[in-house]
Structure formats: C-alpha cells, structure tokens
PDB file of N, CA and C in Angstrom:
ATOM      1  N   MET A   1      13.677   4.508  -8.567  1.00  0.00           N
ATOM      2  CA  MET A   1      12.374   4.936  -9.227  1.00  0.00           C
ATOM      3  C   MET A   1      12.205   6.409  -9.070  1.00  0.00           C
ATOM      4  N   SER A   2      11.541   7.023 -10.080  1.00  0.00           N
ATOM      5  CA  SER A   2      11.312   8.416 -10.017  1.00  0.00           C
ATOM      6  C   SER A   2      10.118   8.722  -9.113  1.00  0.00           C
ATOM      7  N   LEU A   3       9.979   9.977  -8.713  1.00  0.00           N
ATOM      8  CA  LEU A   3       8.904  10.366  -7.876  1.00  0.00           C
ATOM      9  C   LEU A   3       7.541  10.149  -8.535  1.00  0.00           C
ATOM     10  N   LEU A   4       7.432  10.379  -9.843  1.00  0.00           N
ATOM     11  CA  LEU A   4       6.215  10.132 -10.556  1.00  0.00           C
ATOM     12  C   LEU A   4       5.861   8.639 -10.555  1.00  0.00           C
ATOM     13  N   ALA A   5       6.831   7.735 -10.674  1.00  0.00           N
ATOM     14  CA  ALA A   5       6.560   6.333 -10.657  1.00  0.00           C
ATOM     15  C   ALA A   5       6.135   5.918  -9.274  1.00  0.00           C
ATOM     16  N   TRP A   6       6.681   6.473  -8.160  1.00  0.00           N
ATOM     17  CA  TRP A   6       6.197   6.194  -6.820  1.00  0.00           C
ATOM     18  C   TRP A   6       4.771   6.659  -6.621  1.00  0.00           C
ATOM     19  N   ILE A   7       4.413   7.790  -7.167  1.00  0.00           N
ATOM     20  CA  ILE A   7       3.040   8.336  -7.077  1.00  0.00           C
ATOM     21  C   ILE A   7       2.092   7.476  -7.779  1.00  0.00           C
ATOM     22  N   VAL A   8       2.429   7.052  -8.995  1.00  0.00           N
ATOM     23  CA  VAL A   8       1.574   6.143  -9.761  1.00  0.00           C
ATOM     24  C   VAL A   8       1.375   4.809  -9.108  1.00  0.00           C
ATOM     25  N   LEU A   9       2.514   4.215  -8.626  1.00  0.00           N
ATOM     26  CA  LEU A   9       2.454   2.940  -7.926  1.00  0.00           C
ATOM     27  C   LEU A   9       1.668   3.082  -6.623  1.00  0.00           C
ATOM     28  N   GLY A  10       1.895   4.197  -5.940  1.00  0.00           N
ATOM     29  CA  GLY A  10       1.160   4.444  -4.692  1.00  0.00           C
ATOM     30  C   GLY A  10      -0.363   4.643  -4.895  1.00  0.00           C
ATOM     31  N   LEU A  11      -0.723   5.312  -5.983  1.00  0.00           N
ATOM     32  CA  LEU A  11      -2.106   5.511  -6.281  1.00  0.00           C
ATOM     33  C   LEU A  11      -2.836   4.181  -6.573  1.00  0.00           C
ATOM     34  N   VAL A  12      -2.192   3.377  -7.412  1.00  0.00           N
ATOM     35  CA  VAL A  12      -2.799   2.136  -7.758  1.00  0.00           C
ATOM     36  C   VAL A  12      -2.819   1.208  -6.526  1.00  0.00           C
ATOM     37  N   ALA A  13      -1.739   1.087  -5.765  1.00  0.00           N
ATOM     38  CA  ALA A  13      -1.708   0.248  -4.634  1.00  0.00           C
ATOM     39  C   ALA A  13      -2.650   0.734  -3.537  1.00  0.00           C
ATOM     40  N   GLY A  14      -2.782   2.061  -3.334  1.00  0.00           N
ATOM     41  CA  GLY A  14      -3.686   2.590  -2.340  1.00  0.00           C
ATOM     42  C   GLY A  14      -5.135   2.328  -2.742  1.00  0.00           C
ATOM     43  N   PHE A  15      -5.447   2.455  -4.039  1.00  0.00           N
ATOM     44  CA  PHE A  15      -6.797   2.223  -4.488  1.00  0.00           C
ATOM     45  C   PHE A  15      -7.193   0.780  -4.313  1.00  0.00           C
ATOM     46  N   ILE A  16      -6.275  -0.117  -4.753  1.00  0.00           N
ATOM     47  CA  ILE A  16      -6.545  -1.589  -4.614  1.00  0.00           C
ATOM     48  C   ILE A  16      -6.669  -1.970  -3.178  1.00  0.00           C
ATOM     49  N   GLY A  17      -5.728  -1.421  -2.372  1.00  0.00           N
ATOM     50  CA  GLY A  17      -5.728  -1.727  -0.892  1.00  0.00           C
ATOM     51  C   GLY A  17      -6.969  -1.300  -0.200  1.00  0.00           C
ATOM     52  N   SER A  18      -7.484  -0.066  -0.571  1.00  0.00           N
ATOM     53  CA  SER A  18      -8.735   0.435  -0.042  1.00  0.00           C
ATOM     54  C   SER A  18      -9.908  -0.475  -0.412  1.00  0.00           C
ATOM     55  N   LYS A  19      -9.917  -0.928  -1.591  1.00  0.00           N
ATOM     56  CA  LYS A  19     -11.018  -1.805  -2.052  1.00  0.00           C
ATOM     57  C   LYS A  19     -10.980  -3.149  -1.362  1.00  0.00           C
ATOM     58  N   VAL A  20      -9.763  -3.645  -1.066  1.00  0.00           N
ATOM     59  CA  VAL A  20      -9.633  -4.921  -0.384  1.00  0.00           C
ATOM     60  C   VAL A  20     -10.036  -4.812   1.071  1.00  0.00           C
ATOM     61  N   VAL A  21      -9.592  -3.722   1.730  1.00  0.00           N
ATOM     62  CA  VAL A  21      -9.840  -3.608   3.156  1.00  0.00           C
ATOM     63  C   VAL A  21     -11.253  -3.204   3.464  1.00  0.00           C
ATOM     64  N   ASN A  22     -11.813  -2.213   2.847  1.00  0.00           N
ATOM     65  CA  ASN A  22     -13.146  -1.825   3.279  1.00  0.00           C
ATOM     66  C   ASN A  22     -14.123  -1.452   2.115  1.00  0.00           C
ATOM     67  N   ASN A  23     -13.720  -1.835   0.935  1.00  0.00           N
ATOM     68  CA  ASN A  23     -14.574  -1.691  -0.313  1.00  0.00           C
ATOM     69  C   ASN A  23     -14.921  -0.317  -0.686  1.00  0.00           C
ATOM     70  N   THR A  24     -14.302   0.718  -0.051  1.00  0.00           N
ATOM     71  CA  THR A  24     -14.430   2.103  -0.468  1.00  0.00           C
ATOM     72  C   THR A  24     -13.087   2.756  -0.357  1.00  0.00           C
ATOM     73  N   GLY A  25     -12.894   3.729  -1.143  1.00  0.00           N
ATOM     74  CA  GLY A  25     -11.620   4.501  -1.065  1.00  0.00           C
ATOM     75  C   GLY A  25     -11.642   5.502   0.073  1.00  0.00           C
ATOM     76  N   GLN A  26     -10.446   5.927   0.477  1.00  0.00           N
ATOM     77  CA  GLN A  26     -10.367   6.894   1.570  1.00  0.00           C
ATOM     78  C   GLN A  26     -10.273   8.341   0.972  1.00  0.00           C
ATOM     79  N   GLY A  27     -10.256   8.476  -0.294  1.00  0.00           N
ATOM     80  CA  GLY A  27     -10.055   9.762  -0.990  1.00  0.00           C
ATOM     81  C   GLY A  27      -8.761   9.717  -1.688  1.00  0.00           C
ATOM     82  N   LEU A  28      -8.622  10.526  -2.781  1.00  0.00           N
ATOM     83  CA  LEU A  28      -7.441  10.402  -3.642  1.00  0.00           C
ATOM     84  C   LEU A  28      -6.132  10.670  -2.888  1.00  0.00           C
ATOM     85  N   LEU A  29      -6.072  11.731  -2.102  1.00  0.00           N
ATOM     86  CA  LEU A  29      -4.902  12.066  -1.454  1.00  0.00           C
ATOM     87  C   LEU A  29      -4.466  11.009  -0.356  1.00  0.00           C
ATOM     88  N   VAL A  30      -5.439  10.605   0.395  1.00  0.00           N
ATOM     89  CA  VAL A  30      -5.146   9.502   1.397  1.00  0.00           C
ATOM     90  C   VAL A  30      -4.741   8.227   0.749  1.00  0.00           C
ATOM     91  N   ASP A  31      -5.444   7.869  -0.390  1.00  0.00           N
ATOM     92  CA  ASP A  31      -5.093   6.644  -1.066  1.00  0.00           C
ATOM     93  C   ASP A  31      -3.648   6.720  -1.600  1.00  0.00           C
ATOM     94  N   ILE A  32      -3.253   7.797  -2.190  1.00  0.00           N
ATOM     95  CA  ILE A  32      -1.900   7.955  -2.658  1.00  0.00           C
ATOM     96  C   ILE A  32      -0.911   7.891  -1.486  1.00  0.00           C
ATOM     97  N   LEU A  33      -1.133   8.593  -0.443  1.00  0.00           N
ATOM     98  CA  LEU A  33      -0.237   8.632   0.679  1.00  0.00           C
ATOM     99  C   LEU A  33      -0.114   7.265   1.338  1.00  0.00           C
ATOM    100  N   LEU A  34      -1.217   6.598   1.612  1.00  0.00           N
ATOM    101  CA  LEU A  34      -1.190   5.260   2.212  1.00  0.00           C
ATOM    102  C   LEU A  34      -0.579   4.227   1.241  1.00  0.00           C
ATOM    103  N   GLY A  35      -0.785   4.424  -0.092  1.00  0.00           N
ATOM    104  CA  GLY A  35      -0.237   3.553  -1.051  1.00  0.00           C
ATOM    105  C   GLY A  35       1.300   3.620  -1.164  1.00  0.00           C
ATOM    106  N   VAL A  36       1.793   4.894  -1.153  1.00  0.00           N
ATOM    107  CA  VAL A  36       3.258   5.126  -1.192  1.00  0.00           C
ATOM    108  C   VAL A  36       3.877   4.612   0.086  1.00  0.00           C
ATOM    109  N   VAL A  37       3.291   4.922   1.242  1.00  0.00           N
ATOM    110  CA  VAL A  37       3.867   4.439   2.476  1.00  0.00           C
ATOM    111  C   VAL A  37       3.695   2.918   2.596  1.00  0.00           C
ATOM    112  N   GLY A  38       2.583   2.418   2.024  1.00  0.00           N
ATOM    113  CA  GLY A  38       2.350   0.962   1.977  1.00  0.00           C
ATOM    114  C   GLY A  38       3.400   0.286   1.146  1.00  0.00           C
ATOM    115  N   ALA A  39       3.810   0.902   0.020  1.00  0.00           N
ATOM    116  CA  ALA A  39       4.888   0.331  -0.810  1.00  0.00           C
ATOM    117  C   ALA A  39       6.155   0.230  -0.043  1.00  0.00           C
ATOM    118  N   VAL A  40       6.466   1.264   0.739  1.00  0.00           N
ATOM    119  CA  VAL A  40       7.683   1.221   1.561  1.00  0.00           C
ATOM    120  C   VAL A  40       7.587   0.108   2.652  1.00  0.00           C
ATOM    121  N   VAL A  41       6.437   0.105   3.289  1.00  0.00           N
ATOM    122  CA  VAL A  41       6.192  -0.959   4.292  1.00  0.00           C
ATOM    123  C   VAL A  41       6.261  -2.364   3.688  1.00  0.00           C
ATOM    124  N   GLY A  42       5.584  -2.526   2.541  1.00  0.00           N
ATOM    125  CA  GLY A  42       5.622  -3.852   1.919  1.00  0.00           C
ATOM    126  C   GLY A  42       7.043  -4.230   1.420  1.00  0.00           C
ATOM    127  N   GLY A  43       7.834  -3.254   0.939  1.00  0.00           N
ATOM    128  CA  GLY A  43       9.186  -3.520   0.609  1.00  0.00           C
ATOM    129  C   GLY A  43      10.033  -3.922   1.792  1.00  0.00           C
ATOM    130  N   PHE A  44       9.796  -3.260   2.932  1.00  0.00           N
ATOM    131  CA  PHE A  44      10.494  -3.573   4.163  1.00  0.00           C
ATOM    132  C   PHE A  44      10.113  -4.994   4.645  1.00  0.00           C
ATOM    133  N   LEU A  45       8.776  -5.270   4.637  1.00  0.00           N
ATOM    134  CA  LEU A  45       8.367  -6.589   5.087  1.00  0.00           C
ATOM    135  C   LEU A  45       8.962  -7.722   4.214  1.00  0.00           C
ATOM    136  N   PHE A  46       8.941  -7.513   2.901  1.00  0.00           N
ATOM    137  CA  PHE A  46       9.437  -8.533   2.008  1.00  0.00           C
ATOM    138  C   PHE A  46      10.910  -8.726   2.187  1.00  0.00           C
ATOM    139  N   LYS A  47      11.671  -7.626   2.420  1.00  0.00           N
ATOM    140  CA  LYS A  47      13.121  -7.781   2.625  1.00  0.00           C
ATOM    141  C   LYS A  47      13.424  -8.484   3.915  1.00  0.00           C
ATOM    142  N   GLN A  48      12.529  -8.310   4.968  1.00  0.00           N
ATOM    143  CA  GLN A  48      12.736  -8.995   6.204  1.00  0.00           C
ATOM    144  C   GLN A  48      12.616 -10.520   6.073  1.00  0.00           C
ATOM    145  N   PHE A  49      11.809 -10.919   5.038  1.00  0.00           N
ATOM    146  CA  PHE A  49      11.611 -12.362   4.854  1.00  0.00           C
ATOM    147  C   PHE A  49      12.486 -12.898   3.719  1.00  0.00           C
ATOM    148  N   GLY A  50      13.461 -12.069   3.284  1.00  0.00           N
ATOM    149  CA  GLY A  50      14.453 -12.565   2.336  1.00  0.00           C
ATOM    150  C   GLY A  50      14.010 -12.383   0.869  1.00  0.00           C
ATOM    151  N   GLU A  51      12.979 -11.691   0.570  1.00  0.00           N
ATOM    152  CA  GLU A  51      12.549 -11.467  -0.825  1.00  0.00           C
ATOM    153  C   GLU A  51      12.919 -10.070  -1.253  1.00  0.00           C
ATOM    154  N   PRO A  52      13.017  -9.868  -2.569  1.00  0.00           N
ATOM    155  CA  PRO A  52      13.245  -8.492  -2.981  1.00  0.00           C
ATOM    156  C   PRO A  52      12.053  -7.585  -2.783  1.00  0.00           C
ATOM    157  N   GLY A  53      12.259  -6.329  -2.491  1.00  0.00           N
ATOM    158  CA  GLY A  53      11.194  -5.381  -2.257  1.00  0.00           C
ATOM    159  C   GLY A  53      10.708  -4.736  -3.573  1.00  0.00           C
ATOM    160  N   VAL A  54      10.330  -3.526  -3.525  1.00  0.00           N
ATOM    161  CA  VAL A  54       9.897  -2.775  -4.640  1.00  0.00           C
ATOM    162  C   VAL A  54      11.067  -2.469  -5.551  1.00  0.00           C
ATOM    163  N   SER A  55      11.026  -2.933  -6.805  1.00  0.00           N
ATOM    164  CA  SER A  55      12.193  -2.826  -7.655  1.00  0.00           C
ATOM    165  C   SER A  55      12.002  -1.966  -8.858  1.00  0.00           C
ATOM    166  N   GLY A  56      10.797  -1.461  -9.044  1.00  0.00           N
ATOM    167  CA  GLY A  56      10.486  -0.604 -10.162  1.00  0.00           C
ATOM    168  C   GLY A  56       9.020  -0.579 -10.428  1.00  0.00           C
ATOM    169  N   LEU A  57       8.593  -0.065 -11.575  1.00  0.00           N
ATOM    170  CA  LEU A  57       7.164  -0.026 -11.906  1.00  0.00           C
ATOM    171  C   LEU A  57       6.851  -1.277 -12.684  1.00  0.00           C
ATOM    172  N   ASN A  58       6.527  -2.374 -11.982  1.00  0.00           N
ATOM    173  CA  ASN A  58       6.245  -3.607 -12.591  1.00  0.00           C
ATOM    174  C   ASN A  58       5.174  -4.347 -11.724  1.00  0.00           C
ATOM    175  N   LEU A  59       4.694  -5.503 -12.176  1.00  0.00           N
ATOM    176  CA  LEU A  59       3.682  -6.230 -11.500  1.00  0.00           C
ATOM    177  C   LEU A  59       4.121  -6.745 -10.129  1.00  0.00           C
ATOM    178  N   TYR A  60       5.348  -7.231  -9.999  1.00  0.00           N
ATOM    179  CA  TYR A  60       5.818  -7.689  -8.702  1.00  0.00           C
ATOM    180  C   TYR A  60       5.820  -6.543  -7.666  1.00  0.00           C
ATOM    181  N   SER A  61       6.332  -5.375  -8.090  1.00  0.00           N
ATOM    182  CA  SER A  61       6.366  -4.258  -7.169  1.00  0.00           C
ATOM    183  C   SER A  61       4.993  -3.822  -6.793  1.00  0.00           C
ATOM    184  N   LEU A  62       3.992  -3.931  -7.734  1.00  0.00           N
ATOM    185  CA  LEU A  62       2.644  -3.580  -7.453  1.00  0.00           C
ATOM    186  C   LEU A  62       2.041  -4.516  -6.387  1.00  0.00           C
ATOM    187  N   VAL A  63       2.351  -5.843  -6.496  1.00  0.00           N
ATOM    188  CA  VAL A  63       1.875  -6.805  -5.519  1.00  0.00           C
ATOM    189  C   VAL A  63       2.482  -6.537  -4.141  1.00  0.00           C
ATOM    190  N   VAL A  64       3.767  -6.177  -4.136  1.00  0.00           N
ATOM    191  CA  VAL A  64       4.445  -5.861  -2.844  1.00  0.00           C
ATOM    192  C   VAL A  64       3.810  -4.585  -2.276  1.00  0.00           C
ATOM    193  N   ALA A  65       3.554  -3.611  -3.095  1.00  0.00           N
ATOM    194  CA  ALA A  65       2.958  -2.336  -2.640  1.00  0.00           C
ATOM    195  C   ALA A  65       1.518  -2.554  -2.101  1.00  0.00           C
ATOM    196  N   VAL A  66       0.772  -3.389  -2.803  1.00  0.00           N
ATOM    197  CA  VAL A  66      -0.589  -3.636  -2.366  1.00  0.00           C
ATOM    198  C   VAL A  66      -0.602  -4.381  -1.027  1.00  0.00           C
ATOM    199  N   ILE A  67       0.233  -5.360  -0.896  1.00  0.00           N
ATOM    200  CA  ILE A  67       0.336  -6.117   0.435  1.00  0.00           C
ATOM    201  C   ILE A  67       0.733  -5.134   1.536  1.00  0.00           C
ATOM    202  N   GLY A  68       1.650  -4.264   1.296  1.00  0.00           N
ATOM    203  CA  GLY A  68       2.063  -3.256   2.310  1.00  0.00           C
ATOM    204  C   GLY A  68       0.847  -2.251   2.553  1.00  0.00           C
ATOM    205  N   ALA A  69       0.166  -1.881   1.507  1.00  0.00           N
ATOM    206  CA  ALA A  69      -0.947  -0.947   1.630  1.00  0.00           C
ATOM    207  C   ALA A  69      -2.133  -1.585   2.420  1.00  0.00           C
ATOM    208  N   VAL A  70      -2.425  -2.831   2.101  1.00  0.00           N
ATOM    209  CA  VAL A  70      -3.471  -3.540   2.895  1.00  0.00           C
ATOM    210  C   VAL A  70      -3.137  -3.626   4.369  1.00  0.00           C
ATOM    211  N   ASN A  71      -1.831  -3.961   4.696  1.00  0.00           N
ATOM    212  CA  ASN A  71      -1.419  -3.978   6.081  1.00  0.00           C
ATOM    213  C   ASN A  71      -1.515  -2.625   6.761  1.00  0.00           C
ATOM    214  N   LEU A  72      -1.071  -1.612   6.065  1.00  0.00           N
ATOM    215  CA  LEU A  72      -1.173  -0.255   6.557  1.00  0.00           C
ATOM    216  C   LEU A  72      -2.589   0.206   6.743  1.00  0.00           C
ATOM    217  N   LEU A  73      -3.451  -0.074   5.805  1.00  0.00           N
ATOM    218  CA  LEU A  73      -4.837   0.329   5.887  1.00  0.00           C
ATOM    219  C   LEU A  73      -5.571  -0.403   7.019  1.00  0.00           C
ATOM    220  N   TRP A  74      -5.253  -1.666   7.169  1.00  0.00           N
ATOM    221  CA  TRP A  74      -5.863  -2.376   8.291  1.00  0.00           C
ATOM    222  C   TRP A  74      -5.478  -1.802   9.589  1.00  0.00           C
ATOM    223  N   LEU A  75      -4.213  -1.462   9.755  1.00  0.00           N
ATOM    224  CA  LEU A  75      -3.739  -0.863  10.979  1.00  0.00           C
ATOM    225  C   LEU A  75      -4.314   0.548  11.141  1.00  0.00           C
ATOM    226  N   TYR A  76      -4.475   1.265  10.080  1.00  0.00           N
ATOM    227  CA  TYR A  76      -5.079   2.611  10.073  1.00  0.00           C
ATOM    228  C   TYR A  76      -6.550   2.501  10.579  1.00  0.00           C
ATOM    229  N   HIS A  77      -7.325   1.564  10.085  1.00  0.00           N
ATOM    230  CA  HIS A  77      -8.672   1.423  10.484  1.00  0.00           C
ATOM    231  C   HIS A  77      -8.770   0.900  11.907  1.00  0.00           C
ATOM    232  N   ALA A  78      -7.852   0.087  12.314  1.00  0.00           N
ATOM    233  CA  ALA A  78      -7.907  -0.469  13.661  1.00  0.00           C
ATOM    234  C   ALA A  78      -7.563   0.588  14.679  1.00  0.00           C
ATOM    235  N   LEU A  79      -6.579   1.416  14.426  1.00  0.00           N
ATOM    236  CA  LEU A  79      -6.154   2.421  15.383  1.00  0.00           C
ATOM    237  C   LEU A  79      -6.808   3.787  15.302  1.00  0.00           C
ATOM    238  N   ILE A  80      -6.894   4.299  14.053  1.00  0.00           N
ATOM    239  CA  ILE A  80      -7.469   5.670  13.828  1.00  0.00           C
ATOM    240  C   ILE A  80      -8.997   5.646  13.787  1.00  0.00           C
ATOM    241  N   CYS A  81      -9.587   4.759  12.968  1.00  0.00           N
ATOM    242  CA  CYS A  81     -11.001   4.734  12.783  1.00  0.00           C
ATOM    243  C   CYS A  81     -11.722   3.917  13.866  1.00  0.00           C
ATOM    244  N   ARG A  82     -10.971   3.241  14.684  1.00  0.00           N
ATOM    245  CA  ARG A  82     -11.503   2.402  15.781  1.00  0.00           C
ATOM    246  C   ARG A  82     -12.471   1.386  15.240  1.00  0.00           C
ATOM    247  N   ARG A  83     -12.235   0.834  14.010  1.00  0.00           N
ATOM    248  CA  ARG A  83     -12.992  -0.219  13.462  1.00  0.00           C
ATOM    249  C   ARG A  83     -12.078  -1.361  13.068  1.00  0.00           C
ATOM    250  N   TRP A  84     -12.440  -2.513  13.441  1.00  0.00           N
ATOM    251  CA  TRP A  84     -11.694  -3.726  13.099  1.00  0.00           C
ATOM    252  C   TRP A  84     -12.206  -4.237  11.763  1.00  0.00           C
ATOM    253  N   VAL A  85     -11.340  -4.249  10.781  1.00  0.00           N
ATOM    254  CA  VAL A  85     -11.753  -4.747   9.455  1.00  0.00           C
ATOM    255  C   VAL A  85     -10.957  -6.028   9.198  1.00  0.00           C
ATOM    256  N   LEU A  86     -11.654  -7.070   8.830  1.00  0.00           N
ATOM    257  CA  LEU A  86     -11.019  -8.368   8.540  1.00  0.00           C
ATOM    258  C   LEU A  86     -11.040  -8.655   7.071  1.00  0.00           C
TER     259      LEU A  86
END
C-alpha cells in the first residue's frame, strides 16, 4: 500500500476508533497517528489468530484497522490519560 493509502486508512480508522472509545476525537494528527499504528496493531493481532491482516484499501482492511485502533486507543486512555474507558 502507498503512504497516501495508509494515511487515508489511518485517518478513517482513527476517527471511527475515537468515536467508539470515547465519543470524541483526539485531534486530526493524533487520530491519524493512532489510526495508522492501530492498523499495524490490528494486522499483527489478526495474523496471530491466523487471519489475513491489512491487505489494501478495502472494507476488510478498514475493519482490521478500526479493531486495532480501538485497542490502541483503549490502552492509550488507560495508561496515558489515566481513564478507564469501556
């Protein structure tokens, strides 16, 4: 995937993940960063369970990235913001 595709996927995944975790965004830059890292985390987690990870700019990759972003945002809020979000 190209860098632009990772940024677009990260932006969308970070935005959706922020809305799922705490109903507000963290800001554009943080949403993109956590979304891209979340896509990597989601791809890693899915591969550990025997499923394909992020494969391109498609709906499956978006779901994988959002799951990774939600996990990463939950951890971010638990450790950095000192708030437990369920």
